[in-house]
Amino acid sequence: MFLPNQKVVCVDGRFPLGIEKLYGELPKEGSTYTIRDIVPGVGLTGEEGEVAVYLIEIKGPLNAHGIERGFRAERFAPLETIDEEAEEELPMEMPALAPA
């Protein structure tokens, strides 16, 4: 999953109509965010079992119990840095064998 301070990119910026009334700001697809915390989540209709993330860049509203509402973790993917992408593209070299 994710770790605090990990950079992620929003891969699902589609939200139900009317949710903007609860949140001052919503993650935008393709934008980069930083994980603040990972918590057990509850869906808008009360179903449990989701994993939610809190973002440094966006503060969610508080629910009826005074707990911040997060965003479903599935909406985000780890952000690959340029160095990580370059490493993936490098071919693996076989070690030279010593002469027998």
PDB file of N, CA and C in Angstrom:
ATOM      1  N   MET A   1       0.854  -1.178   0.000  1.00  0.00           N
ATOM      2  CA  MET A   1       0.000   0.000   0.000  1.00  0.00           C
ATOM      3  C   MET A   1       0.897   1.238   0.000  1.00  0.00           C
ATOM      4  N   PHE A   2       0.544   2.225   0.761  1.00  0.00           N
ATOM      5  CA  PHE A   2       1.295   3.477   0.799  1.00  0.00           C
ATOM      6  C   PHE A   2       1.930   3.685   2.165  1.00  0.00           C
ATOM      7  N   LEU A   3       2.853   4.638   2.202  1.00  0.00           N
ATOM      8  CA  LEU A   3       3.504   5.039   3.447  1.00  0.00           C
ATOM      9  C   LEU A   3       3.334   6.541   3.630  1.00  0.00           C
ATOM     10  N   PRO A   4       3.322   7.025   4.873  1.00  0.00           N
ATOM     11  CA  PRO A   4       3.273   8.473   5.077  1.00  0.00           C
ATOM     12  C   PRO A   4       4.439   9.156   4.360  1.00  0.00           C
ATOM     13  N   ASN A   5       4.167  10.322   3.814  1.00  0.00           N
ATOM     14  CA  ASN A   5       5.113  11.149   3.046  1.00  0.00           C
ATOM     15  C   ASN A   5       5.408  10.614   1.648  1.00  0.00           C
ATOM     16  N   GLN A   6       4.749   9.532   1.249  1.00  0.00           N
ATOM     17  CA  GLN A   6       4.934   9.002  -0.095  1.00  0.00           C
ATOM     18  C   GLN A   6       4.175   9.868  -1.089  1.00  0.00           C
ATOM     19  N   LYS A   7       4.787  10.133  -2.234  1.00  0.00           N
ATOM     20  CA  LYS A   7       4.137  10.878  -3.305  1.00  0.00           C
ATOM     21  C   LYS A   7       3.266   9.918  -4.106  1.00  0.00           C
ATOM     22  N   VAL A   8       2.054  10.365  -4.413  1.00  0.00           N
ATOM     23  CA  VAL A   8       1.117   9.567  -5.199  1.00  0.00           C
ATOM     24  C   VAL A   8       0.488  10.459  -6.268  1.00  0.00           C
ATOM     25  N   VAL A   9      -0.095   9.814  -7.255  1.00  0.00           N
ATOM     26  CA  VAL A   9      -0.818  10.540  -8.288  1.00  0.00           C
ATOM     27  C   VAL A   9      -2.267  10.060  -8.266  1.00  0.00           C
ATOM     28  N   CYS A  10      -3.197  10.979  -8.431  1.00  0.00           N
ATOM     29  CA  CYS A  10      -4.613  10.623  -8.467  1.00  0.00           C
ATOM     30  C   CYS A  10      -4.916   9.982  -9.821  1.00  0.00           C
ATOM     31  N   VAL A  11      -5.435   8.757  -9.785  1.00  0.00           N
ATOM     32  CA  VAL A  11      -5.774   8.046 -11.021  1.00  0.00           C
ATOM     33  C   VAL A  11      -7.282   7.939 -11.223  1.00  0.00           C
ATOM     34  N   ASP A  12      -8.050   8.383 -10.239  1.00  0.00           N
ATOM     35  CA  ASP A  12      -9.512   8.367 -10.348  1.00  0.00           C
ATOM     36  C   ASP A  12     -10.056   9.632  -9.702  1.00  0.00           C
ATOM     37  N   GLY A  13     -10.320  10.633 -10.511  1.00  0.00           N
ATOM     38  CA  GLY A  13     -10.829  11.904 -10.020  1.00  0.00           C
ATOM     39  C   GLY A  13     -12.324  12.062 -10.214  1.00  0.00           C
ATOM     40  N   ARG A  14     -13.040  10.938 -10.443  1.00  0.00           N
ATOM     41  CA  ARG A  14     -14.493  10.993 -10.620  1.00  0.00           C
ATOM     42  C   ARG A  14     -15.165  10.766  -9.274  1.00  0.00           C
ATOM     43  N   PHE A  15     -15.962  11.714  -8.854  1.00  0.00           N
ATOM     44  CA  PHE A  15     -16.646  11.649  -7.566  1.00  0.00           C
ATOM     45  C   PHE A  15     -18.146  11.749  -7.779  1.00  0.00           C
ATOM     46  N   PRO A  16     -18.933  11.197  -6.855  1.00  0.00           N
ATOM     47  CA  PRO A  16     -20.393  11.293  -6.988  1.00  0.00           C
ATOM     48  C   PRO A  16     -20.858  12.752  -6.968  1.00  0.00           C
ATOM     49  N   LEU A  17     -21.912  13.018  -7.716  1.00  0.00           N
ATOM     50  CA  LEU A  17     -22.473  14.368  -7.722  1.00  0.00           C
ATOM     51  C   LEU A  17     -22.886  14.761  -6.317  1.00  0.00           C
ATOM     52  N   GLY A  18     -22.618  15.987  -5.948  1.00  0.00           N
ATOM     53  CA  GLY A  18     -22.998  16.512  -4.650  1.00  0.00           C
ATOM     54  C   GLY A  18     -21.926  16.373  -3.581  1.00  0.00           C
ATOM     55  N   ILE A  19     -20.900  15.555  -3.822  1.00  0.00           N
ATOM     56  CA  ILE A  19     -19.871  15.355  -2.797  1.00  0.00           C
ATOM     57  C   ILE A  19     -19.067  16.632  -2.550  1.00  0.00           C
ATOM     58  N   GLU A  20     -19.047  17.507  -3.540  1.00  0.00           N
ATOM     59  CA  GLU A  20     -18.315  18.768  -3.374  1.00  0.00           C
ATOM     60  C   GLU A  20     -18.903  19.625  -2.252  1.00  0.00           C
ATOM     61  N   LYS A  21     -20.142  19.300  -1.829  1.00  0.00           N
ATOM     62  CA  LYS A  21     -20.751  20.015  -0.705  1.00  0.00           C
ATOM     63  C   LYS A  21     -20.094  19.613   0.614  1.00  0.00           C
ATOM     64  N   LEU A  22     -19.522  18.405   0.675  1.00  0.00           N
ATOM     65  CA  LEU A  22     -18.842  17.928   1.880  1.00  0.00           C
ATOM     66  C   LEU A  22     -17.387  18.381   1.940  1.00  0.00           C
ATOM     67  N   TYR A  23     -16.733  18.389   0.792  1.00  0.00           N
ATOM     68  CA  TYR A  23     -15.305  18.672   0.719  1.00  0.00           C
ATOM     69  C   TYR A  23     -15.059  20.065   0.155  1.00  0.00           C
ATOM     70  N   GLY A  24     -14.091  20.769   0.727  1.00  0.00           N
ATOM     71  CA  GLY A  24     -13.706  22.071   0.191  1.00  0.00           C
ATOM     72  C   GLY A  24     -12.925  21.911  -1.101  1.00  0.00           C
ATOM     73  N   GLU A  25     -12.208  20.783  -1.213  1.00  0.00           N
ATOM     74  CA  GLU A  25     -11.404  20.497  -2.398  1.00  0.00           C
ATOM     75  C   GLU A  25     -11.355  18.988  -2.590  1.00  0.00           C
ATOM     76  N   LEU A  26     -11.329  18.547  -3.833  1.00  0.00           N
ATOM     77  CA  LEU A  26     -11.239  17.127  -4.158  1.00  0.00           C
ATOM     78  C   LEU A  26      -9.978  16.877  -4.972  1.00  0.00           C
ATOM     79  N   PRO A  27      -9.386  15.687  -4.841  1.00  0.00           N
ATOM     80  CA  PRO A  27      -8.218  15.374  -5.671  1.00  0.00           C
ATOM     81  C   PRO A  27      -8.587  15.410  -7.152  1.00  0.00           C
ATOM     82  N   LYS A  28      -7.648  15.879  -7.946  1.00  0.00           N
ATOM     83  CA  LYS A  28      -7.855  15.968  -9.392  1.00  0.00           C
ATOM     84  C   LYS A  28      -7.013  14.903 -10.087  1.00  0.00           C
ATOM     85  N   GLU A  29      -7.643  14.204 -11.013  1.00  0.00           N
ATOM     86  CA  GLU A  29      -6.965  13.151 -11.748  1.00  0.00           C
ATOM     87  C   GLU A  29      -5.715  13.697 -12.420  1.00  0.00           C
ATOM     88  N   GLY A  30      -4.594  12.986 -12.244  1.00  0.00           N
ATOM     89  CA  GLY A  30      -3.323  13.389 -12.828  1.00  0.00           C
ATOM     90  C   GLY A  30      -2.489  14.282 -11.924  1.00  0.00           C
ATOM     91  N   SER A  31      -3.071  14.771 -10.835  1.00  0.00           N
ATOM     92  CA  SER A  31      -2.328  15.644  -9.917  1.00  0.00           C
ATOM     93  C   SER A  31      -1.579  14.812  -8.883  1.00  0.00           C
ATOM     94  N   THR A  32      -0.476  15.370  -8.391  1.00  0.00           N
ATOM     95  CA  THR A  32       0.377  14.702  -7.422  1.00  0.00           C
ATOM     96  C   THR A  32       0.039  15.179  -6.010  1.00  0.00           C
ATOM     97  N   TYR A  33       0.023  14.230  -5.073  1.00  0.00           N
ATOM     98  CA  TYR A  33      -0.275  14.515  -3.674  1.00  0.00           C
ATOM     99  C   TYR A  33       0.710  13.761  -2.792  1.00  0.00           C
ATOM    100  N   THR A  34       0.706  14.094  -1.499  1.00  0.00           N
ATOM    101  CA  THR A  34       1.572  13.438  -0.524  1.00  0.00           C
ATOM    102  C   THR A  34       0.702  12.790   0.540  1.00  0.00           C
ATOM    103  N   ILE A  35       0.951  11.502   0.817  1.00  0.00           N
ATOM    104  CA  ILE A  35       0.186  10.780   1.819  1.00  0.00           C
ATOM    105  C   ILE A  35       0.530  11.323   3.208  1.00  0.00           C
ATOM    106  N   ARG A  36      -0.492  11.696   3.955  1.00  0.00           N
ATOM    107  CA  ARG A  36      -0.319  12.141   5.333  1.00  0.00           C
ATOM    108  C   ARG A  36      -0.513  10.968   6.288  1.00  0.00           C
ATOM    109  N   ASP A  37      -1.512  10.112   5.997  1.00  0.00           N
ATOM    110  CA  ASP A  37      -1.785   8.959   6.849  1.00  0.00           C
ATOM    111  C   ASP A  37      -2.667   7.979   6.082  1.00  0.00           C
ATOM    112  N   ILE A  38      -2.658   6.720   6.519  1.00  0.00           N
ATOM    113  CA  ILE A  38      -3.489   5.661   5.957  1.00  0.00           C
ATOM    114  C   ILE A  38      -4.357   5.148   7.107  1.00  0.00           C
ATOM    115  N   VAL A  39      -5.677   5.087   6.887  1.00  0.00           N
ATOM    116  CA  VAL A  39      -6.606   4.726   7.964  1.00  0.00           C
ATOM    117  C   VAL A  39      -7.698   3.799   7.433  1.00  0.00           C
ATOM    118  N   PRO A  40      -8.361   3.050   8.345  1.00  0.00           N
ATOM    119  CA  PRO A  40      -9.541   2.297   7.922  1.00  0.00           C
ATOM    120  C   PRO A  40     -10.612   3.290   7.491  1.00  0.00           C
ATOM    121  N   GLY A  41     -11.272   2.992   6.403  1.00  0.00           N
ATOM    122  CA  GLY A  41     -12.264   3.924   5.890  1.00  0.00           C
ATOM    123  C   GLY A  41     -13.665   3.375   5.927  1.00  0.00           C
ATOM    124  N   VAL A  42     -14.608   4.282   5.804  1.00  0.00           N
ATOM    125  CA  VAL A  42     -16.029   3.950   5.712  1.00  0.00           C
ATOM    126  C   VAL A  42     -16.568   4.711   4.514  1.00  0.00           C
ATOM    127  N   GLY A  43     -17.265   4.023   3.630  1.00  0.00           N
ATOM    128  CA  GLY A  43     -17.822   4.656   2.442  1.00  0.00           C
ATOM    129  C   GLY A  43     -18.899   5.673   2.780  1.00  0.00           C
ATOM    130  N   LEU A  44     -19.299   6.444   1.794  1.00  0.00           N
ATOM    131  CA  LEU A  44     -20.315   7.479   2.007  1.00  0.00           C
ATOM    132  C   LEU A  44     -21.644   6.909   2.473  1.00  0.00           C
ATOM    133  N   THR A  45     -21.928   5.654   2.107  1.00  0.00           N
ATOM    134  CA  THR A  45     -23.190   5.044   2.519  1.00  0.00           C
ATOM    135  C   THR A  45     -23.043   4.238   3.809  1.00  0.00           C
ATOM    136  N   GLY A  46     -21.862   4.299   4.446  1.00  0.00           N
ATOM    137  CA  GLY A  46     -21.653   3.649   5.731  1.00  0.00           C
ATOM    138  C   GLY A  46     -21.000   2.287   5.677  1.00  0.00           C
ATOM    139  N   GLU A  47     -20.693   1.777   4.478  1.00  0.00           N
ATOM    140  CA  GLU A  47     -20.068   0.460   4.401  1.00  0.00           C
ATOM    141  C   GLU A  47     -18.611   0.545   4.851  1.00  0.00           C
ATOM    142  N   GLU A  48     -18.206  -0.458   5.631  1.00  0.00           N
ATOM    143  CA  GLU A  48     -16.848  -0.517   6.146  1.00  0.00           C
ATOM    144  C   GLU A  48     -15.983  -1.365   5.231  1.00  0.00           C
ATOM    145  N   GLY A  49     -14.674  -1.375   5.503  1.00  0.00           N
ATOM    146  CA  GLY A  49     -13.774  -2.238   4.762  1.00  0.00           C
ATOM    147  C   GLY A  49     -12.896  -1.515   3.761  1.00  0.00           C
ATOM    148  N   GLU A  50     -13.087  -0.241   3.592  1.00  0.00           N
ATOM    149  CA  GLU A  50     -12.235   0.513   2.676  1.00  0.00           C
ATOM    150  C   GLU A  50     -10.957   0.938   3.389  1.00  0.00           C
ATOM    151  N   VAL A  51      -9.942   1.233   2.613  1.00  0.00           N
ATOM    152  CA  VAL A  51      -8.737   1.857   3.128  1.00  0.00           C
ATOM    153  C   VAL A  51      -8.763   3.286   2.621  1.00  0.00           C
ATOM    154  N   ALA A  52      -8.589   4.219   3.538  1.00  0.00           N
ATOM    155  CA  ALA A  52      -8.634   5.637   3.173  1.00  0.00           C
ATOM    156  C   ALA A  52      -7.270   6.268   3.410  1.00  0.00           C
ATOM    157  N   VAL A  53      -7.006   7.309   2.654  1.00  0.00           N
ATOM    158  CA  VAL A  53      -5.771   8.069   2.853  1.00  0.00           C
ATOM    159  C   VAL A  53      -6.122   9.513   3.158  1.00  0.00           C
ATOM    160  N   TYR A  54      -5.291  10.115   3.991  1.00  0.00           N
ATOM    161  CA  TYR A  54      -5.335  11.551   4.223  1.00  0.00           C
ATOM    162  C   TYR A  54      -4.175  12.137   3.426  1.00  0.00           C
ATOM    163  N   LEU A  55      -4.414  13.282   2.825  1.00  0.00           N
ATOM    164  CA  LEU A  55      -3.405  13.944   2.001  1.00  0.00           C
ATOM    165  C   LEU A  55      -2.901  15.193   2.690  1.00  0.00           C
ATOM    166  N   ILE A  56      -1.621  15.461   2.560  1.00  0.00           N
ATOM    167  CA  ILE A  56      -1.058  16.685   3.130  1.00  0.00           C
ATOM    168  C   ILE A  56      -1.689  17.908   2.464  1.00  0.00           C
ATOM    169  N   GLU A  57      -1.926  17.833   1.188  1.00  0.00           N
ATOM    170  CA  GLU A  57      -2.383  18.989   0.420  1.00  0.00           C
ATOM    171  C   GLU A  57      -3.873  19.303   0.594  1.00  0.00           C
ATOM    172  N   ILE A  58      -4.657  18.313   1.035  1.00  0.00           N
ATOM    173  CA  ILE A  58      -6.108  18.524   1.163  1.00  0.00           C
ATOM    174  C   ILE A  58      -6.560  18.050   2.545  1.00  0.00           C
ATOM    175  N   LYS A  59      -7.205  18.917   3.280  1.00  0.00           N
ATOM    176  CA  LYS A  59      -7.771  18.569   4.587  1.00  0.00           C
ATOM    177  C   LYS A  59      -9.241  18.226   4.370  1.00  0.00           C
ATOM    178  N   GLY A  60      -9.636  17.002   4.743  1.00  0.00           N
ATOM    179  CA  GLY A  60     -11.015  16.577   4.563  1.00  0.00           C
ATOM    180  C   GLY A  60     -11.909  17.092   5.673  1.00  0.00           C
ATOM    181  N   PRO A  61     -13.219  17.070   5.446  1.00  0.00           N
ATOM    182  CA  PRO A  61     -14.166  17.506   6.483  1.00  0.00           C
ATOM    183  C   PRO A  61     -14.265  16.452   7.579  1.00  0.00           C
ATOM    184  N   LEU A  62     -14.802  16.831   8.707  1.00  0.00           N
ATOM    185  CA  LEU A  62     -15.008  15.897   9.808  1.00  0.00           C
ATOM    186  C   LEU A  62     -16.386  15.250   9.676  1.00  0.00           C
ATOM    187  N   ASN A  63     -16.456  13.954  10.010  1.00  0.00           N
ATOM    188  CA  ASN A  63     -17.753  13.286   9.987  1.00  0.00           C
ATOM    189  C   ASN A  63     -18.497  13.575  11.292  1.00  0.00           C
ATOM    190  N   ALA A  64     -19.626  12.935  11.515  1.00  0.00           N
ATOM    191  CA  ALA A  64     -20.462  13.185  12.696  1.00  0.00           C
ATOM    192  C   ALA A  64     -19.751  12.829  14.003  1.00  0.00           C
ATOM    193  N   HIS A  65     -18.721  12.005  13.929  1.00  0.00           N
ATOM    194  CA  HIS A  65     -17.971  11.585  15.115  1.00  0.00           C
ATOM    195  C   HIS A  65     -16.694  12.402  15.301  1.00  0.00           C
ATOM    196  N   GLY A  66     -16.506  13.426  14.486  1.00  0.00           N
ATOM    197  CA  GLY A  66     -15.321  14.270  14.604  1.00  0.00           C
ATOM    198  C   GLY A  66     -14.077  13.684  13.966  1.00  0.00           C
ATOM    199  N   ILE A  67     -14.245  12.670  13.113  1.00  0.00           N
ATOM    200  CA  ILE A  67     -13.118  12.028  12.429  1.00  0.00           C
ATOM    201  C   ILE A  67     -13.049  12.560  11.007  1.00  0.00           C
ATOM    202  N   GLU A  68     -11.843  12.889  10.575  1.00  0.00           N
ATOM    203  CA  GLU A  68     -11.661  13.420   9.227  1.00  0.00           C
ATOM    204  C   GLU A  68     -12.045  12.382   8.182  1.00  0.00           C
ATOM    205  N   ARG A  69     -12.721  12.839   7.160  1.00  0.00           N
ATOM    206  CA  ARG A  69     -13.034  11.976   6.015  1.00  0.00           C
ATOM    207  C   ARG A  69     -11.829  11.976   5.077  1.00  0.00           C
ATOM    208  N   GLY A  70     -11.400  10.797   4.678  1.00  0.00           N
ATOM    209  CA  GLY A  70     -10.274  10.679   3.752  1.00  0.00           C
ATOM    210  C   GLY A  70     -10.774  10.362   2.358  1.00  0.00           C
ATOM    211  N   PHE A  71      -9.877   9.847   1.551  1.00  0.00           N
ATOM    212  CA  PHE A  71     -10.186   9.454   0.176  1.00  0.00           C
ATOM    213  C   PHE A  71      -9.806   7.994  -0.006  1.00  0.00           C
ATOM    214  N   ARG A  72     -10.612   7.249  -0.762  1.00  0.00           N
ATOM    215  CA  ARG A  72     -10.315   5.837  -1.030  1.00  0.00           C
ATOM    216  C   ARG A  72      -8.906   5.692  -1.597  1.00  0.00           C
ATOM    217  N   ALA A  73      -8.142   4.784  -1.012  1.00  0.00           N
ATOM    218  CA  ALA A  73      -6.755   4.576  -1.443  1.00  0.00           C
ATOM    219  C   ALA A  73      -6.673   4.155  -2.913  1.00  0.00           C
ATOM    220  N   GLU A  74      -7.705   3.467  -3.413  1.00  0.00           N
ATOM    221  CA  GLU A  74      -7.692   2.992  -4.801  1.00  0.00           C
ATOM    222  C   GLU A  74      -7.700   4.142  -5.814  1.00  0.00           C
ATOM    223  N   ARG A  75      -7.992   5.344  -5.341  1.00  0.00           N
ATOM    224  CA  ARG A  75      -7.988   6.504  -6.242  1.00  0.00           C
ATOM    225  C   ARG A  75      -6.576   6.972  -6.585  1.00  0.00           C
ATOM    226  N   PHE A  76      -5.567   6.379  -5.933  1.00  0.00           N
ATOM    227  CA  PHE A  76      -4.201   6.861  -6.077  1.00  0.00           C
ATOM    228  C   PHE A  76      -3.253   5.735  -6.460  1.00  0.00           C
ATOM    229  N   ALA A  77      -2.166   6.114  -7.116  1.00  0.00           N
ATOM    230  CA  ALA A  77      -1.098   5.180  -7.465  1.00  0.00           C
ATOM    231  C   ALA A  77       0.222   5.826  -7.060  1.00  0.00           C
ATOM    232  N   PRO A  78       1.216   4.993  -6.707  1.00  0.00           N
ATOM    233  CA  PRO A  78       2.521   5.568  -6.362  1.00  0.00           C
ATOM    234  C   PRO A  78       3.068   6.386  -7.519  1.00  0.00           C
ATOM    235  N   LEU A  79       3.683   7.498  -7.192  1.00  0.00           N
ATOM    236  CA  LEU A  79       4.307   8.338  -8.206  1.00  0.00           C
ATOM    237  C   LEU A  79       5.695   7.801  -8.471  1.00  0.00           C
ATOM    238  N   GLU A  80       5.976   7.468  -9.713  1.00  0.00           N
ATOM    239  CA  GLU A  80       7.307   7.008 -10.072  1.00  0.00           C
ATOM    240  C   GLU A  80       8.155   8.219 -10.389  1.00  0.00           C
ATOM    241  N   THR A  81       9.320   8.260  -9.798  1.00  0.00           N
ATOM    242  CA  THR A  81      10.227   9.363 -10.092  1.00  0.00           C
ATOM    243  C   THR A  81      10.951   9.079 -11.397  1.00  0.00           C
ATOM    244  N   ILE A  82      11.601  10.071 -11.940  1.00  0.00           N
ATOM    245  CA  ILE A  82      12.355   9.907 -13.183  1.00  0.00           C
ATOM    246  C   ILE A  82      13.452   8.864 -12.978  1.00  0.00           C
ATOM    247  N   ASP A  83      14.115   8.867 -11.805  1.00  0.00           N
ATOM    248  CA  ASP A  83      15.157   7.884 -11.525  1.00  0.00           C
ATOM    249  C   ASP A  83      14.600   6.467 -11.536  1.00  0.00           C
ATOM    250  N   GLU A  84      13.423   6.260 -10.929  1.00  0.00           N
ATOM    251  CA  GLU A  84      12.815   4.932 -10.908  1.00  0.00           C
ATOM    252  C   GLU A  84      12.463   4.475 -12.311  1.00  0.00           C
ATOM    253  N   GLU A  85      11.937   5.387 -13.128  1.00  0.00           N
ATOM    254  CA  GLU A  85      11.586   5.032 -14.496  1.00  0.00           C
ATOM    255  C   GLU A  85      12.830   4.669 -15.287  1.00  0.00           C
ATOM    256  N   ALA A  86      13.924   5.411 -15.084  1.00  0.00           N
ATOM    257  CA  ALA A  86      15.169   5.138 -15.805  1.00  0.00           C
ATOM    258  C   ALA A  86      15.728   3.776 -15.399  1.00  0.00           C
ATOM    259  N   GLU A  87      15.641   3.439 -14.108  1.00  0.00           N
ATOM    260  CA  GLU A  87      16.122   2.140 -13.642  1.00  0.00           C
ATOM    261  C   GLU A  87      15.348   1.011 -14.294  1.00  0.00           C
ATOM    262  N   GLU A  88      14.049   1.183 -14.467  1.00  0.00           N
ATOM    263  CA  GLU A  88      13.226   0.138 -15.082  1.00  0.00           C
ATOM    264  C   GLU A  88      13.602  -0.077 -16.538  1.00  0.00           C
ATOM    265  N   GLU A  89      14.096   0.953 -17.198  1.00  0.00           N
ATOM    266  CA  GLU A  89      14.426   0.854 -18.613  1.00  0.00           C
ATOM    267  C   GLU A  89      15.822   0.298 -18.859  1.00  0.00           C
ATOM    268  N   LEU A  90      16.691   0.295 -17.843  1.00  0.00           N
ATOM    269  CA  LEU A  90      18.039  -0.207 -18.015  1.00  0.00           C
ATOM    270  C   LEU A  90      18.022  -1.719 -18.148  1.00  0.00           C
ATOM    271  N   PRO A  91      18.729  -2.252 -19.164  1.00  0.00           N
ATOM    272  CA  PRO A  91      18.780  -3.711 -19.288  1.00  0.00           C
ATOM    273  C   PRO A  91      19.648  -4.294 -18.175  1.00  0.00           C
ATOM    274  N   MET A  92      19.308  -5.487 -17.749  1.00  0.00           N
ATOM    275  CA  MET A  92      20.096  -6.160 -16.721  1.00  0.00           C
ATOM    276  C   MET A  92      21.326  -6.754 -17.388  1.00  0.00           C
ATOM    277  N   GLU A  93      22.503  -6.465 -16.846  1.00  0.00           N
ATOM    278  CA  GLU A  93      23.737  -7.035 -17.397  1.00  0.00           C
ATOM    279  C   GLU A  93      24.080  -8.303 -16.635  1.00  0.00           C
ATOM    280  N   MET A  94      24.509  -9.283 -17.365  1.00  0.00           N
ATOM    281  CA  MET A  94      24.938 -10.528 -16.754  1.00  0.00           C
ATOM    282  C   MET A  94      26.372 -10.349 -16.263  1.00  0.00           C
ATOM    283  N   PRO A  95      26.696 -10.840 -15.088  1.00  0.00           N
ATOM    284  CA  PRO A  95      28.074 -10.734 -14.616  1.00  0.00           C
ATOM    285  C   PRO A  95      29.000 -11.566 -15.480  1.00  0.00           C
ATOM    286  N   ALA A  96      30.211 -11.057 -15.662  1.00  0.00           N
ATOM    287  CA  ALA A  96      31.198 -11.774 -16.464  1.00  0.00           C
ATOM    288  C   ALA A  96      31.628 -13.018 -15.704  1.00  0.00           C
ATOM    289  N   LEU A  97      31.763 -14.113 -16.423  1.00  0.00           N
ATOM    290  CA  LEU A  97      32.204 -15.360 -15.817  1.00  0.00           C
ATOM    291  C   LEU A  97      33.719 -15.412 -15.820  1.00  0.00           C
ATOM    292  N   ALA A  98      34.303 -15.912 -14.764  1.00  0.00           N
ATOM    293  CA  ALA A  98      35.752 -16.069 -14.699  1.00  0.00           C
ATOM    294  C   ALA A  98      36.166 -17.231 -15.593  1.00  0.00           C
ATOM    295  N   PRO A  99      37.307 -17.096 -16.304  1.00  0.00           N
ATOM    296  CA  PRO A  99      37.748 -18.211 -17.155  1.00  0.00           C
ATOM    297  C   PRO A  99      38.041 -19.440 -16.318  1.00  0.00           C
ATOM    298  N   ALA A 100      37.737 -20.611 -16.867  1.00  0.00           N
ATOM    299  CA  ALA A 100      37.930 -21.868 -16.127  1.00  0.00           C
ATOM    300  C   ALA A 100      39.334 -22.374 -16.246  1.00  0.00           C
TER     301      ALA A 100
END
